[in-house]
Amino acid sequence: AMLKEEVAQLQADLAALAKAQAEMDKLREEEHTAYVSNKADMEQGLDGVKLALKVLNEYYAKEGKAHTAQGGGGSSIIGLLEVVESDF
């Protein structure tokens, strides 16, 4: 009788594991579908960030007083964009 109870408990545990695995598989499939649909937008956004960094770095690398006073602001923006880029 005890063996039958252990078998029944193990079968219940296996059923619970199978159910949990099915739920995780479904969630993973939903996440993958969302990633695939958003991937192009993320890549386009990353390209935009890289272009902005290039333009800003070139601008602030130029000599001249027009932007010298704003150098701190420029480096803050560049730093922020670099963080955004690294998060992609």
PDB file of N, CA and C in Angstrom:
ATOM      1  N   ALA A   1       0.832  -1.191   0.000  1.00  0.00           N
ATOM      2  CA  ALA A   1       0.000   0.000   0.000  1.00  0.00           C
ATOM      3  C   ALA A   1       0.876   1.255   0.000  1.00  0.00           C
ATOM      4  N   MET A   2       1.968   1.210   0.774  1.00  0.00           N
ATOM      5  CA  MET A   2       2.847   2.372   0.840  1.00  0.00           C
ATOM      6  C   MET A   2       3.534   2.613  -0.503  1.00  0.00           C
ATOM      7  N   LEU A   3       3.898   1.548  -1.188  1.00  0.00           N
ATOM      8  CA  LEU A   3       4.541   1.667  -2.495  1.00  0.00           C
ATOM      9  C   LEU A   3       3.595   2.307  -3.497  1.00  0.00           C
ATOM     10  N   LYS A   4       2.326   1.927  -3.444  1.00  0.00           N
ATOM     11  CA  LYS A   4       1.337   2.520  -4.355  1.00  0.00           C
ATOM     12  C   LYS A   4       1.168   4.008  -4.082  1.00  0.00           C
ATOM     13  N   GLU A   5       1.221   4.398  -2.810  1.00  0.00           N
ATOM     14  CA  GLU A   5       1.112   5.815  -2.456  1.00  0.00           C
ATOM     15  C   GLU A   5       2.321   6.598  -2.969  1.00  0.00           C
ATOM     16  N   GLU A   6       3.504   6.013  -2.833  1.00  0.00           N
ATOM     17  CA  GLU A   6       4.713   6.670  -3.330  1.00  0.00           C
ATOM     18  C   GLU A   6       4.670   6.819  -4.844  1.00  0.00           C
ATOM     19  N   VAL A   7       4.213   5.777  -5.520  1.00  0.00           N
ATOM     20  CA  VAL A   7       4.098   5.834  -6.980  1.00  0.00           C
ATOM     21  C   VAL A   7       3.092   6.912  -7.377  1.00  0.00           C
ATOM     22  N   ALA A   8       1.972   6.956  -6.704  1.00  0.00           N
ATOM     23  CA  ALA A   8       0.953   7.965  -7.007  1.00  0.00           C
ATOM     24  C   ALA A   8       1.509   9.366  -6.782  1.00  0.00           C
ATOM     25  N   GLN A   9       2.257   9.552  -5.694  1.00  0.00           N
ATOM     26  CA  GLN A   9       2.850  10.865  -5.406  1.00  0.00           C
ATOM     27  C   GLN A   9       3.873  11.238  -6.469  1.00  0.00           C
ATOM     28  N   LEU A  10       4.707  10.294  -6.865  1.00  0.00           N
ATOM     29  CA  LEU A  10       5.701  10.564  -7.907  1.00  0.00           C
ATOM     30  C   LEU A  10       5.032  10.891  -9.233  1.00  0.00           C
ATOM     31  N   GLN A  11       3.952  10.186  -9.546  1.00  0.00           N
ATOM     32  CA  GLN A  11       3.224  10.484 -10.790  1.00  0.00           C
ATOM     33  C   GLN A  11       2.615  11.885 -10.733  1.00  0.00           C
ATOM     34  N   ALA A  12       2.100  12.273  -9.575  1.00  0.00           N
ATOM     35  CA  ALA A  12       1.546  13.615  -9.417  1.00  0.00           C
ATOM     36  C   ALA A  12       2.648  14.670  -9.557  1.00  0.00           C
ATOM     37  N   ASP A  13       3.806  14.381  -8.961  1.00  0.00           N
ATOM     38  CA  ASP A  13       4.940  15.306  -9.075  1.00  0.00           C
ATOM     39  C   ASP A  13       5.392  15.447 -10.525  1.00  0.00           C
ATOM     40  N   LEU A  14       5.451  14.330 -11.241  1.00  0.00           N
ATOM     41  CA  LEU A  14       5.843  14.365 -12.661  1.00  0.00           C
ATOM     42  C   LEU A  14       4.822  15.147 -13.484  1.00  0.00           C
ATOM     43  N   ALA A  15       3.556  14.981 -13.180  1.00  0.00           N
ATOM     44  CA  ALA A  15       2.520  15.721 -13.898  1.00  0.00           C
ATOM     45  C   ALA A  15       2.663  17.224 -13.640  1.00  0.00           C
ATOM     46  N   ALA A  16       2.960  17.589 -12.390  1.00  0.00           N
ATOM     47  CA  ALA A  16       3.151  19.003 -12.058  1.00  0.00           C
ATOM     48  C   ALA A  16       4.374  19.568 -12.773  1.00  0.00           C
ATOM     49  N   LEU A  17       5.431  18.769 -12.825  1.00  0.00           N
ATOM     50  CA  LEU A  17       6.635  19.212 -13.545  1.00  0.00           C
ATOM     51  C   LEU A  17       6.351  19.392 -15.036  1.00  0.00           C
ATOM     52  N   ALA A  18       5.612  18.458 -15.615  1.00  0.00           N
ATOM     53  CA  ALA A  18       5.277  18.548 -17.037  1.00  0.00           C
ATOM     54  C   ALA A  18       4.434  19.799 -17.303  1.00  0.00           C
ATOM     55  N   LYS A  19       3.503  20.087 -16.413  1.00  0.00           N
ATOM     56  CA  LYS A  19       2.662  21.279 -16.568  1.00  0.00           C
ATOM     57  C   LYS A  19       3.514  22.546 -16.466  1.00  0.00           C
ATOM     58  N   ALA A  20       4.400  22.584 -15.477  1.00  0.00           N
ATOM     59  CA  ALA A  20       5.276  23.753 -15.316  1.00  0.00           C
ATOM     60  C   ALA A  20       6.174  23.931 -16.533  1.00  0.00           C
ATOM     61  N   GLN A  21       6.695  22.833 -17.060  1.00  0.00           N
ATOM     62  CA  GLN A  21       7.551  22.906 -18.247  1.00  0.00           C
ATOM     63  C   GLN A  21       6.771  23.429 -19.447  1.00  0.00           C
ATOM     64  N   ALA A  22       5.535  22.983 -19.594  1.00  0.00           N
ATOM     65  CA  ALA A  22       4.701  23.456 -20.700  1.00  0.00           C
ATOM     66  C   ALA A  22       4.441  24.954 -20.573  1.00  0.00           C
ATOM     67  N   GLU A  23       4.197  25.421 -19.360  1.00  0.00           N
ATOM     68  CA  GLU A  23       3.979  26.854 -19.147  1.00  0.00           C
ATOM     69  C   GLU A  23       5.243  27.656 -19.455  1.00  0.00           C
ATOM     70  N   MET A  24       6.399  27.144 -19.040  1.00  0.00           N
ATOM     71  CA  MET A  24       7.665  27.837 -19.332  1.00  0.00           C
ATOM     72  C   MET A  24       7.941  27.851 -20.830  1.00  0.00           C
ATOM     73  N   ASP A  25       7.645  26.734 -21.515  1.00  0.00           N
ATOM     74  CA  ASP A  25       7.834  26.690 -22.963  1.00  0.00           C
ATOM     75  C   ASP A  25       6.953  27.715 -23.661  1.00  0.00           C
ATOM     76  N   LYS A  26       5.699  27.834 -23.201  1.00  0.00           N
ATOM     77  CA  LYS A  26       4.772  28.798 -23.799  1.00  0.00           C
ATOM     78  C   LYS A  26       5.270  30.217 -23.577  1.00  0.00           C
ATOM     79  N   LEU A  27       5.707  30.516 -22.351  1.00  0.00           N
ATOM     80  CA  LEU A  27       6.226  31.847 -22.043  1.00  0.00           C
ATOM     81  C   LEU A  27       7.459  32.160 -22.885  1.00  0.00           C
ATOM     82  N   ARG A  28       8.349  31.201 -23.016  1.00  0.00           N
ATOM     83  CA  ARG A  28       9.561  31.394 -23.821  1.00  0.00           C
ATOM     84  C   ARG A  28       9.208  31.665 -25.279  1.00  0.00           C
ATOM     85  N   GLU A  29       8.228  30.947 -25.798  1.00  0.00           N
ATOM     86  CA  GLU A  29       7.808  31.159 -27.189  1.00  0.00           C
ATOM     87  C   GLU A  29       7.229  32.561 -27.367  1.00  0.00           C
ATOM     88  N   GLU A  30       6.431  33.017 -26.392  1.00  0.00           N
ATOM     89  CA  GLU A  30       5.875  34.374 -26.468  1.00  0.00           C
ATOM     90  C   GLU A  30       6.980  35.422 -26.422  1.00  0.00           C
ATOM     91  N   GLU A  31       7.957  35.223 -25.543  1.00  0.00           N
ATOM     92  CA  GLU A  31       9.071  36.175 -25.451  1.00  0.00           C
ATOM     93  C   GLU A  31       9.891  36.181 -26.732  1.00  0.00           C
ATOM     94  N   HIS A  32      10.112  35.010 -27.301  1.00  0.00           N
ATOM     95  CA  HIS A  32      10.891  34.923 -28.542  1.00  0.00           C
ATOM     96  C   HIS A  32      10.159  35.622 -29.684  1.00  0.00           C
ATOM     97  N   THR A  33       8.853  35.424 -29.764  1.00  0.00           N
ATOM     98  CA  THR A  33       8.058  36.072 -30.805  1.00  0.00           C
ATOM     99  C   THR A  33       8.138  37.592 -30.668  1.00  0.00           C
ATOM    100  N   ALA A  34       8.042  38.090 -29.437  1.00  0.00           N
ATOM    101  CA  ALA A  34       8.137  39.533 -29.209  1.00  0.00           C
ATOM    102  C   ALA A  34       9.521  40.042 -29.588  1.00  0.00           C
ATOM    103  N   TYR A  35      10.562  39.286 -29.249  1.00  0.00           N
ATOM    104  CA  TYR A  35      11.931  39.690 -29.586  1.00  0.00           C
ATOM    105  C   TYR A  35      12.110  39.771 -31.099  1.00  0.00           C
ATOM    106  N   VAL A  36      11.649  38.754 -31.799  1.00  0.00           N
ATOM    107  CA  VAL A  36      11.820  38.731 -33.254  1.00  0.00           C
ATOM    108  C   VAL A  36      11.095  39.917 -33.885  1.00  0.00           C
ATOM    109  N   SER A  37       9.887  40.230 -33.396  1.00  0.00           N
ATOM    110  CA  SER A  37       9.135  41.338 -33.989  1.00  0.00           C
ATOM    111  C   SER A  37       9.764  42.695 -33.652  1.00  0.00           C
ATOM    112  N   ASN A  38      10.454  42.790 -32.523  1.00  0.00           N
ATOM    113  CA  ASN A  38      11.060  44.066 -32.120  1.00  0.00           C
ATOM    114  C   ASN A  38      12.523  44.205 -32.529  1.00  0.00           C
ATOM    115  N   LYS A  39      13.130  43.136 -33.001  1.00  0.00           N
ATOM    116  CA  LYS A  39      14.564  43.150 -33.292  1.00  0.00           C
ATOM    117  C   LYS A  39      14.932  44.220 -34.320  1.00  0.00           C
ATOM    118  N   ALA A  40      14.157  44.322 -35.386  1.00  0.00           N
ATOM    119  CA  ALA A  40      14.472  45.312 -36.426  1.00  0.00           C
ATOM    120  C   ALA A  40      14.424  46.732 -35.856  1.00  0.00           C
ATOM    121  N   ASP A  41      13.415  47.004 -35.027  1.00  0.00           N
ATOM    122  CA  ASP A  41      13.314  48.335 -34.423  1.00  0.00           C
ATOM    123  C   ASP A  41      14.495  48.606 -33.492  1.00  0.00           C
ATOM    124  N   MET A  42      14.896  47.598 -32.730  1.00  0.00           N
ATOM    125  CA  MET A  42      16.031  47.771 -31.821  1.00  0.00           C
ATOM    126  C   MET A  42      17.310  48.041 -32.608  1.00  0.00           C
ATOM    127  N   GLU A  43      17.514  47.312 -33.699  1.00  0.00           N
ATOM    128  CA  GLU A  43      18.715  47.521 -34.506  1.00  0.00           C
ATOM    129  C   GLU A  43      18.711  48.897 -35.142  1.00  0.00           C
ATOM    130  N   GLN A  44      17.539  49.341 -35.602  1.00  0.00           N
ATOM    131  CA  GLN A  44      17.444  50.673 -36.191  1.00  0.00           C
ATOM    132  C   GLN A  44      17.725  51.737 -35.132  1.00  0.00           C
ATOM    133  N   GLY A  45      17.205  51.533 -33.935  1.00  0.00           N
ATOM    134  CA  GLY A  45      17.470  52.473 -32.842  1.00  0.00           C
ATOM    135  C   GLY A  45      18.942  52.515 -32.484  1.00  0.00           C
ATOM    136  N   LEU A  46      19.584  51.348 -32.453  1.00  0.00           N
ATOM    137  CA  LEU A  46      21.012  51.290 -32.154  1.00  0.00           C
ATOM    138  C   LEU A  46      21.821  51.996 -33.225  1.00  0.00           C
ATOM    139  N   ASP A  47      21.434  51.828 -34.482  1.00  0.00           N
ATOM    140  CA  ASP A  47      22.122  52.537 -35.565  1.00  0.00           C
ATOM    141  C   ASP A  47      21.989  54.051 -35.384  1.00  0.00           C
ATOM    142  N   GLY A  48      20.807  54.501 -34.956  1.00  0.00           N
ATOM    143  CA  GLY A  48      20.589  55.929 -34.710  1.00  0.00           C
ATOM    144  C   GLY A  48      21.460  56.447 -33.577  1.00  0.00           C
ATOM    145  N   VAL A  49      21.581  55.661 -32.516  1.00  0.00           N
ATOM    146  CA  VAL A  49      22.421  56.056 -31.385  1.00  0.00           C
ATOM    147  C   VAL A  49      23.886  56.148 -31.819  1.00  0.00           C
ATOM    148  N   LYS A  50      24.330  55.163 -32.596  1.00  0.00           N
ATOM    149  CA  LYS A  50      25.723  55.179 -33.073  1.00  0.00           C
ATOM    150  C   LYS A  50      25.979  56.392 -33.954  1.00  0.00           C
ATOM    151  N   LEU A  51      25.022  56.726 -34.817  1.00  0.00           N
ATOM    152  CA  LEU A  51      25.179  57.897 -35.684  1.00  0.00           C
ATOM    153  C   LEU A  51      25.231  59.174 -34.847  1.00  0.00           C
ATOM    154  N   ALA A  52      24.359  59.267 -33.854  1.00  0.00           N
ATOM    155  CA  ALA A  52      24.357  60.449 -32.991  1.00  0.00           C
ATOM    156  C   ALA A  52      25.691  60.586 -32.258  1.00  0.00           C
ATOM    157  N   LEU A  53      26.211  59.478 -31.757  1.00  0.00           N
ATOM    158  CA  LEU A  53      27.521  59.523 -31.088  1.00  0.00           C
ATOM    159  C   LEU A  53      28.610  59.989 -32.042  1.00  0.00           C
ATOM    160  N   LYS A  54      28.582  59.495 -33.255  1.00  0.00           N
ATOM    161  CA  LYS A  54      29.599  59.877 -34.245  1.00  0.00           C
ATOM    162  C   LYS A  54      29.529  61.379 -34.525  1.00  0.00           C
ATOM    163  N   VAL A  55      28.311  61.862 -34.772  1.00  0.00           N
ATOM    164  CA  VAL A  55      28.138  63.282 -35.090  1.00  0.00           C
ATOM    165  C   VAL A  55      28.568  64.158 -33.915  1.00  0.00           C
ATOM    166  N   LEU A  56      28.137  63.801 -32.698  1.00  0.00           N
ATOM    167  CA  LEU A  56      28.492  64.602 -31.526  1.00  0.00           C
ATOM    168  C   LEU A  56      29.993  64.573 -31.249  1.00  0.00           C
ATOM    169  N   ASN A  57      30.603  63.410 -31.367  1.00  0.00           N
ATOM    170  CA  ASN A  57      32.051  63.325 -31.138  1.00  0.00           C
ATOM    171  C   ASN A  57      32.813  64.159 -32.155  1.00  0.00           C
ATOM    172  N   GLU A  58      32.372  64.126 -33.412  1.00  0.00           N
ATOM    173  CA  GLU A  58      33.035  64.937 -34.437  1.00  0.00           C
ATOM    174  C   GLU A  58      32.834  66.422 -34.150  1.00  0.00           C
ATOM    175  N   TYR A  59      31.641  66.793 -33.750  1.00  0.00           N
ATOM    176  CA  TYR A  59      31.351  68.201 -33.473  1.00  0.00           C
ATOM    177  C   TYR A  59      32.204  68.718 -32.318  1.00  0.00           C
ATOM    178  N   TYR A  60      32.237  67.975 -31.230  1.00  0.00           N
ATOM    179  CA  TYR A  60      32.983  68.450 -30.061  1.00  0.00           C
ATOM    180  C   TYR A  60      34.492  68.277 -30.221  1.00  0.00           C
ATOM    181  N   ALA A  61      34.934  67.528 -31.223  1.00  0.00           N
ATOM    182  CA  ALA A  61      36.364  67.398 -31.481  1.00  0.00           C
ATOM    183  C   ALA A  61      36.899  68.610 -32.248  1.00  0.00           C
ATOM    184  N   LYS A  62      35.999  69.348 -32.909  1.00  0.00           N
ATOM    185  CA  LYS A  62      36.419  70.524 -33.669  1.00  0.00           C
ATOM    186  C   LYS A  62      36.855  71.628 -32.718  1.00  0.00           C
ATOM    187  N   GLU A  63      37.781  72.420 -33.202  1.00  0.00           N
ATOM    188  CA  GLU A  63      38.221  73.561 -32.405  1.00  0.00           C
ATOM    189  C   GLU A  63      37.303  74.736 -32.675  1.00  0.00           C
ATOM    190  N   GLY A  64      37.143  75.561 -31.705  1.00  0.00           N
ATOM    191  CA  GLY A  64      36.313  76.752 -31.868  1.00  0.00           C
ATOM    192  C   GLY A  64      35.595  77.052 -30.580  1.00  0.00           C
ATOM    193  N   LYS A  65      35.210  78.316 -30.429  1.00  0.00           N
ATOM    194  CA  LYS A  65      34.588  78.722 -29.177  1.00  0.00           C
ATOM    195  C   LYS A  65      33.073  78.577 -29.201  1.00  0.00           C
ATOM    196  N   ALA A  66      32.501  78.263 -30.331  1.00  0.00           N
ATOM    197  CA  ALA A  66      31.040  78.197 -30.435  1.00  0.00           C
ATOM    198  C   ALA A  66      30.462  77.148 -29.488  1.00  0.00           C
ATOM    199  N   HIS A  67      31.173  76.084 -29.279  1.00  0.00           N
ATOM    200  CA  HIS A  67      30.621  75.020 -28.441  1.00  0.00           C
ATOM    201  C   HIS A  67      31.447  74.752 -27.190  1.00  0.00           C
ATOM    202  N   THR A  68      32.494  75.534 -26.969  1.00  0.00           N
ATOM    203  CA  THR A  68      33.359  75.300 -25.812  1.00  0.00           C
ATOM    204  C   THR A  68      32.587  75.444 -24.499  1.00  0.00           C
ATOM    205  N   ALA A  69      31.725  76.454 -24.424  1.00  0.00           N
ATOM    206  CA  ALA A  69      30.972  76.682 -23.192  1.00  0.00           C
ATOM    207  C   ALA A  69      30.001  75.538 -22.914  1.00  0.00           C
ATOM    208  N   GLN A  70      29.590  74.857 -23.955  1.00  0.00           N
ATOM    209  CA  GLN A  70      28.638  73.758 -23.798  1.00  0.00           C
ATOM    210  C   GLN A  70      29.329  72.403 -23.721  1.00  0.00           C
ATOM    211  N   GLY A  71      30.628  72.390 -23.576  1.00  0.00           N
ATOM    212  CA  GLY A  71      31.381  71.136 -23.547  1.00  0.00           C
ATOM    213  C   GLY A  71      30.899  70.169 -22.489  1.00  0.00           C
ATOM    214  N   GLY A  72      30.566  70.705 -21.310  1.00  0.00           N
ATOM    215  CA  GLY A  72      30.063  69.845 -20.238  1.00  0.00           C
ATOM    216  C   GLY A  72      28.744  69.197 -20.612  1.00  0.00           C
ATOM    217  N   GLY A  73      27.873  69.983 -21.227  1.00  0.00           N
ATOM    218  CA  GLY A  73      26.589  69.443 -21.675  1.00  0.00           C
ATOM    219  C   GLY A  73      26.778  68.399 -22.751  1.00  0.00           C
ATOM    220  N   GLY A  74      27.720  68.669 -23.638  1.00  0.00           N
ATOM    221  CA  GLY A  74      27.992  67.708 -24.711  1.00  0.00           C
ATOM    222  C   GLY A  74      28.517  66.400 -24.181  1.00  0.00           C
ATOM    223  N   SER A  75      29.422  66.478 -23.215  1.00  0.00           N
ATOM    224  CA  SER A  75      29.971  65.232 -22.678  1.00  0.00           C
ATOM    225  C   SER A  75      28.907  64.467 -21.896  1.00  0.00           C
ATOM    226  N   SER A  76      27.965  65.192 -21.276  1.00  0.00           N
ATOM    227  CA  SER A  76      26.869  64.519 -20.571  1.00  0.00           C
ATOM    228  C   SER A  76      25.976  63.764 -21.547  1.00  0.00           C
ATOM    229  N   ILE A  77      25.658  64.416 -22.652  1.00  0.00           N
ATOM    230  CA  ILE A  77      24.818  63.780 -23.664  1.00  0.00           C
ATOM    231  C   ILE A  77      25.540  62.584 -24.269  1.00  0.00           C
ATOM    232  N   ILE A  78      26.806  62.762 -24.575  1.00  0.00           N
ATOM    233  CA  ILE A  78      27.590  61.660 -25.146  1.00  0.00           C
ATOM    234  C   ILE A  78      27.649  60.498 -24.155  1.00  0.00           C
ATOM    235  N   GLY A  79      27.863  60.800 -22.890  1.00  0.00           N
ATOM    236  CA  GLY A  79      27.896  59.751 -21.870  1.00  0.00           C
ATOM    237  C   GLY A  79      26.574  59.010 -21.783  1.00  0.00           C
ATOM    238  N   LEU A  80      25.474  59.748 -21.843  1.00  0.00           N
ATOM    239  CA  LEU A  80      24.152  59.131 -21.800  1.00  0.00           C
ATOM    240  C   LEU A  80      23.942  58.221 -23.009  1.00  0.00           C
ATOM    241  N   LEU A  81      24.312  58.691 -24.187  1.00  0.00           N
ATOM    242  CA  LEU A  81      24.160  57.879 -25.394  1.00  0.00           C
ATOM    243  C   LEU A  81      25.040  56.631 -25.345  1.00  0.00           C
ATOM    244  N   GLU A  82      26.225  56.754 -24.753  1.00  0.00           N
ATOM    245  CA  GLU A  82      27.097  55.583 -24.623  1.00  0.00           C
ATOM    246  C   GLU A  82      26.482  54.537 -23.704  1.00  0.00           C
ATOM    247  N   VAL A  83      25.795  54.980 -22.662  1.00  0.00           N
ATOM    248  CA  VAL A  83      25.094  54.047 -21.773  1.00  0.00           C
ATOM    249  C   VAL A  83      23.953  53.364 -22.530  1.00  0.00           C
ATOM    250  N   VAL A  84      23.203  54.160 -23.288  1.00  0.00           N
ATOM    251  CA  VAL A  84      22.104  53.604 -24.080  1.00  0.00           C
ATOM    252  C   VAL A  84      22.653  52.550 -25.050  1.00  0.00           C
ATOM    253  N   GLU A  85      23.753  52.886 -25.713  1.00  0.00           N
ATOM    254  CA  GLU A  85      24.365  51.960 -26.678  1.00  0.00           C
ATOM    255  C   GLU A  85      24.790  50.675 -25.990  1.00  0.00           C
ATOM    256  N   SER A  86      25.392  50.782 -24.819  1.00  0.00           N
ATOM    257  CA  SER A  86      25.874  49.580 -24.122  1.00  0.00           C
ATOM    258  C   SER A  86      24.710  48.729 -23.634  1.00  0.00           C
ATOM    259  N   ASP A  87      23.555  49.337 -23.388  1.00  0.00           N
ATOM    260  CA  ASP A  87      22.392  48.563 -22.939  1.00  0.00           C
ATOM    261  C   ASP A  87      21.765  47.740 -24.058  1.00  0.00           C
ATOM    262  N   PHE A  88      22.046  48.104 -25.287  1.00  0.00           N
ATOM    263  CA  PHE A  88      21.542  47.302 -26.410  1.00  0.00           C
ATOM    264  C   PHE A  88      22.370  46.050 -26.470  1.00  0.00           C
TER     265      PHE A  88
END
